């Protein structure tokens, strides 16, 4: 059984060059973006549990506030893990800055990992949609969060997060002259980029952001 490992450091997946070549040949707009942004990189937040936990902690608050909560968690628990989250009381977690709702969410996440309902060693055996469905069984994890996990942590090559505002805005800017995109138009573009929609998405994000996207 092979465990699907997270990205390390500032590398890109092994398929990146092949994907860039294919997308450049089929799409002049993406070709220009690929040439304009040679700084592609993927950063891991750590283990699968840590990555998903950070995603929940950061919901609906600023990046700075989320980091402050995470720092307090680390300071209080020493090691943030399934075991330490499950062993902490709601009062302790509340003292770290987590809302009652997020405490329920992270407790449910820890229970899923502890029970094996979410087992990173099995992730490589699951197709994208099946794994997204499993992740969405956790309270507080929706499809967008699951897709970000598949893109940045597991480096799946063909994820197309249709609910992502940045992706929508980039498609509207580069392909629709600034007009609002319909679901049909978004899907039509995505279909043209298979099986490298993760790579197309990264460059479209990059075109809107002065810094490489990380999750």
Protein backbone atom coordinates (compact mmCIF):
# COMPACT_ATOMS: atom_id res chain seq x y z
CA UNK A 1 0.00 0.00 0.00
CA UNK A 2 1.50 3.34 -1.04
CA UNK A 3 0.81 6.46 0.97
CA UNK A 4 0.11 9.57 -1.08
CA UNK A 5 2.67 12.05 0.15
CA UNK A 6 2.28 15.83 0.46
CA UNK A 7 4.24 18.31 -1.56
CA UNK A 8 7.59 19.31 -0.16
CA UNK A 9 9.21 22.72 -0.24
CA UNK A 10 9.06 24.70 -3.47
CA UNK A 11 8.76 21.91 -6.01
CA UNK A 12 6.15 21.28 -8.63
CA UNK A 13 4.62 17.89 -9.45
CA UNK A 14 6.37 15.62 -11.91
CA UNK A 15 3.62 16.16 -14.47
CA UNK A 16 4.02 19.96 -14.53
CA UNK A 17 6.25 20.27 -17.61
CA UNK A 18 4.11 17.89 -19.63
CA UNK A 19 0.98 19.77 -18.62
CA UNK A 20 2.49 23.16 -19.48
CA UNK A 21 3.57 21.88 -22.88
CA UNK A 22 0.12 20.50 -23.69
CA UNK A 23 -1.72 23.58 -22.46
CA UNK A 24 0.64 25.92 -24.33
CA UNK A 25 0.03 24.09 -27.57
CA UNK A 26 -3.75 24.11 -27.23
CA UNK A 27 -4.42 27.51 -25.63
CA UNK A 28 -2.60 30.74 -26.61
CA UNK A 29 -3.82 32.56 -23.51
CA UNK A 30 -2.45 29.94 -21.18
CA UNK A 31 0.76 29.84 -23.18
CA UNK A 32 1.27 33.55 -22.46
CA UNK A 33 0.54 33.05 -18.76
CA UNK A 34 2.89 30.07 -18.51
CA UNK A 35 5.64 32.15 -20.10
CA UNK A 36 4.88 35.14 -17.86
CA UNK A 37 4.98 33.26 -14.57
CA UNK A 38 7.89 30.81 -14.33
CA UNK A 39 7.68 30.73 -10.52
CA UNK A 40 5.26 27.83 -10.10
CA UNK A 41 5.52 26.18 -6.70
CA UNK A 42 3.48 24.09 -4.28
CA UNK A 43 3.82 24.46 -0.54
CA UNK A 44 2.67 21.81 1.89
CA UNK A 45 1.23 22.76 5.26
CA UNK A 46 2.41 19.45 6.70
CA UNK A 47 0.42 16.27 7.19
CA UNK A 48 -3.04 15.70 5.75
CA UNK A 49 -4.58 16.30 9.17
CA UNK A 50 -2.66 19.54 9.73
CA UNK A 51 -3.58 20.83 6.28
CA UNK A 52 -7.29 20.22 6.76
CA UNK A 53 -7.18 21.53 10.32
CA UNK A 54 -5.58 24.76 9.13
CA UNK A 55 -8.28 25.11 6.50
CA UNK A 56 -11.00 24.93 9.14
CA UNK A 57 -9.18 27.26 11.53
CA UNK A 58 -8.86 29.83 8.75
CA UNK A 59 -12.49 29.86 7.66
CA UNK A 60 -14.10 33.32 7.55
CA UNK A 61 -11.18 35.10 9.23
CA UNK A 62 -8.11 36.88 7.89
CA UNK A 63 -4.84 35.09 7.20
CA UNK A 64 -3.24 37.02 10.07
CA UNK A 65 -5.99 36.07 12.51
CA UNK A 66 -5.86 32.43 11.42
CA UNK A 67 -2.11 32.31 12.01
CA UNK A 68 -2.58 33.83 15.46
CA UNK A 69 -5.08 31.10 16.38
CA UNK A 70 -2.75 28.43 15.00
CA UNK A 71 0.16 29.83 16.99
CA UNK A 72 -1.90 29.70 20.17
CA UNK A 73 -2.90 26.11 19.42
CA UNK A 74 0.73 25.14 18.95
CA UNK A 75 1.73 27.02 22.07
CA UNK A 76 -0.91 25.30 24.18
CA UNK A 77 -0.75 21.79 22.71
CA UNK A 78 2.96 21.79 21.84
CA UNK A 79 2.24 19.37 18.98
CA UNK A 80 -0.93 19.80 16.96
CA UNK A 81 -2.09 16.29 16.13
CA UNK A 82 -5.15 14.07 16.08
CA UNK A 83 -4.36 12.93 19.61
CA UNK A 84 -3.77 16.37 21.11
CA UNK A 85 -6.88 17.85 19.51
CA UNK A 86 -9.00 14.97 20.80
CA UNK A 87 -7.42 15.29 24.24
CA UNK A 88 -8.06 19.03 24.58
CA UNK A 89 -11.19 20.27 26.30
CA UNK A 90 -13.60 22.68 24.58
CA UNK A 91 -12.55 25.31 27.11
CA UNK A 92 -8.89 24.91 26.16
CA UNK A 93 -9.66 25.17 22.46
CA UNK A 94 -11.91 28.15 23.07
CA UNK A 95 -9.02 29.80 24.90
CA UNK A 96 -6.92 29.45 21.76
CA UNK A 97 -9.42 31.57 19.86
CA UNK A 98 -11.64 28.95 18.25
CA UNK A 99 -15.39 29.49 18.08
CA UNK A 100 -17.79 26.89 19.40
CA UNK A 101 -18.65 25.97 15.81
CA UNK A 102 -15.03 25.49 14.78
CA UNK A 103 -14.40 23.41 17.89
CA UNK A 104 -17.13 21.05 16.72
CA UNK A 105 -15.61 21.01 13.25
CA UNK A 106 -12.05 20.22 14.31
CA UNK A 107 -13.26 17.63 16.80
CA UNK A 108 -15.18 15.90 14.01
CA UNK A 109 -12.08 16.05 11.79
CA UNK A 110 -9.94 14.47 14.50
CA UNK A 111 -12.56 11.76 15.06
CA UNK A 112 -12.58 10.95 11.34
CA UNK A 113 -8.81 10.47 11.35
CA UNK A 114 -8.79 8.54 14.62
CA UNK A 115 -11.49 6.13 13.45
CA UNK A 116 -9.90 5.58 10.04
CA UNK A 117 -12.87 7.08 8.23
CA UNK A 118 -10.21 9.37 6.74
CA UNK A 119 -7.02 7.43 6.21
CA UNK A 120 -4.24 9.18 4.24
CA UNK A 121 -2.71 5.80 3.38
CA UNK A 122 -5.81 5.05 1.31
CA UNK A 123 -6.13 8.39 -0.45
CA UNK A 124 -4.09 7.25 -3.46
CA UNK A 125 -6.62 4.47 -4.08
CA UNK A 126 -9.55 6.89 -4.37
CA UNK A 127 -10.50 8.86 -7.46
CA UNK A 128 -10.99 12.61 -7.15
CA UNK A 129 -14.76 12.66 -6.71
CA UNK A 130 -14.79 9.79 -4.22
CA UNK A 131 -12.13 11.43 -2.09
CA UNK A 132 -13.89 14.80 -2.23
CA UNK A 133 -17.07 13.10 -1.03
CA UNK A 134 -15.22 11.49 1.88
CA UNK A 135 -13.65 14.79 2.89
CA UNK A 136 -17.01 16.54 2.72
CA UNK A 137 -18.38 14.07 5.27
CA UNK A 138 -16.44 16.06 7.87
CA UNK A 139 -18.32 18.95 9.43
CA UNK A 140 -16.94 22.23 8.20
CA UNK A 141 -15.35 20.85 5.04
CA UNK A 142 -17.12 21.70 1.80
CA UNK A 143 -16.27 20.99 -1.78
CA UNK A 144 -13.98 24.02 -2.20
CA UNK A 145 -11.86 23.07 0.81
CA UNK A 146 -11.65 19.49 -0.40
CA UNK A 147 -10.57 20.63 -3.86
CA UNK A 148 -7.85 22.87 -2.42
CA UNK A 149 -6.59 19.88 -0.46
CA UNK A 150 -6.45 17.75 -3.61
CA UNK A 151 -4.66 20.49 -5.54
CA UNK A 152 -2.05 21.60 -3.03
CA UNK A 153 -1.54 18.68 -0.68
CA UNK A 154 -2.10 15.69 -2.95
CA UNK A 155 -1.13 17.46 -6.18
CA UNK A 156 -3.89 15.85 -8.21
CA UNK A 157 -3.48 17.05 -11.82
CA UNK A 158 -7.07 17.56 -12.97
CA UNK A 159 -8.95 19.51 -10.30
CA UNK A 160 -11.16 22.39 -11.46
CA UNK A 161 -12.66 24.32 -8.49
CA UNK A 162 -15.71 25.90 -10.08
CA UNK A 163 -16.73 27.60 -6.83
CA UNK A 164 -13.44 29.48 -6.57
CA UNK A 165 -13.94 33.22 -7.01
CA UNK A 166 -10.37 33.80 -8.18
CA UNK A 167 -10.66 31.20 -10.91
CA UNK A 168 -14.00 32.62 -12.06
CA UNK A 169 -12.62 36.16 -12.20
CA UNK A 170 -9.55 35.05 -14.13
CA UNK A 171 -11.64 33.23 -16.73
CA UNK A 172 -13.89 36.28 -17.08
CA UNK A 173 -10.86 38.55 -17.54
CA UNK A 174 -8.87 36.43 -19.97
CA UNK A 175 -11.57 34.63 -21.95
CA UNK A 176 -14.79 36.64 -21.69
CA UNK A 177 -13.63 40.23 -21.96
CA UNK A 178 -14.69 40.91 -18.37
CA UNK A 179 -18.25 39.67 -18.82
CA UNK A 180 -19.81 37.53 -16.13
CA UNK A 181 -19.29 33.82 -16.73
CA UNK A 182 -22.16 31.39 -16.79
CA UNK A 183 -21.71 27.87 -15.38
CA UNK A 184 -21.83 26.59 -18.97
CA UNK A 185 -18.98 28.87 -20.04
CA UNK A 186 -16.87 27.91 -17.02
CA UNK A 187 -17.38 24.22 -17.73
CA UNK A 188 -16.62 24.67 -21.42
CA UNK A 189 -13.24 26.19 -20.62
CA UNK A 190 -12.49 23.49 -18.08
CA UNK A 191 -13.24 20.73 -20.54
CA UNK A 192 -10.67 22.15 -22.96
CA UNK A 193 -7.96 21.91 -20.29
CA UNK A 194 -8.42 18.27 -19.34
CA UNK A 195 -6.49 16.38 -18.02
CA UNK A 196 -4.43 19.30 -16.66
CA UNK A 197 -7.04 21.54 -15.10
CA UNK A 198 -5.04 21.92 -11.87
CA UNK A 199 -2.18 23.49 -13.85
CA UNK A 200 -4.49 25.76 -15.85
CA UNK A 201 -6.14 26.85 -12.60
CA UNK A 202 -2.80 27.67 -10.98
CA UNK A 203 -1.73 29.95 -13.83
CA UNK A 204 -5.10 31.67 -13.92
CA UNK A 205 -4.84 32.31 -10.18
CA UNK A 206 -1.28 33.53 -10.63
CA UNK A 207 -2.40 36.08 -13.21
CA UNK A 208 -4.48 37.82 -10.52
CA UNK A 209 -2.09 37.61 -7.58
CA UNK A 210 1.34 39.21 -7.13
CA UNK A 211 2.49 36.16 -5.21
CA UNK A 212 2.19 32.45 -6.01
CA UNK A 213 -0.96 30.89 -4.62
CA UNK A 214 -0.49 28.60 -1.63
CA UNK A 215 -2.89 26.68 0.57
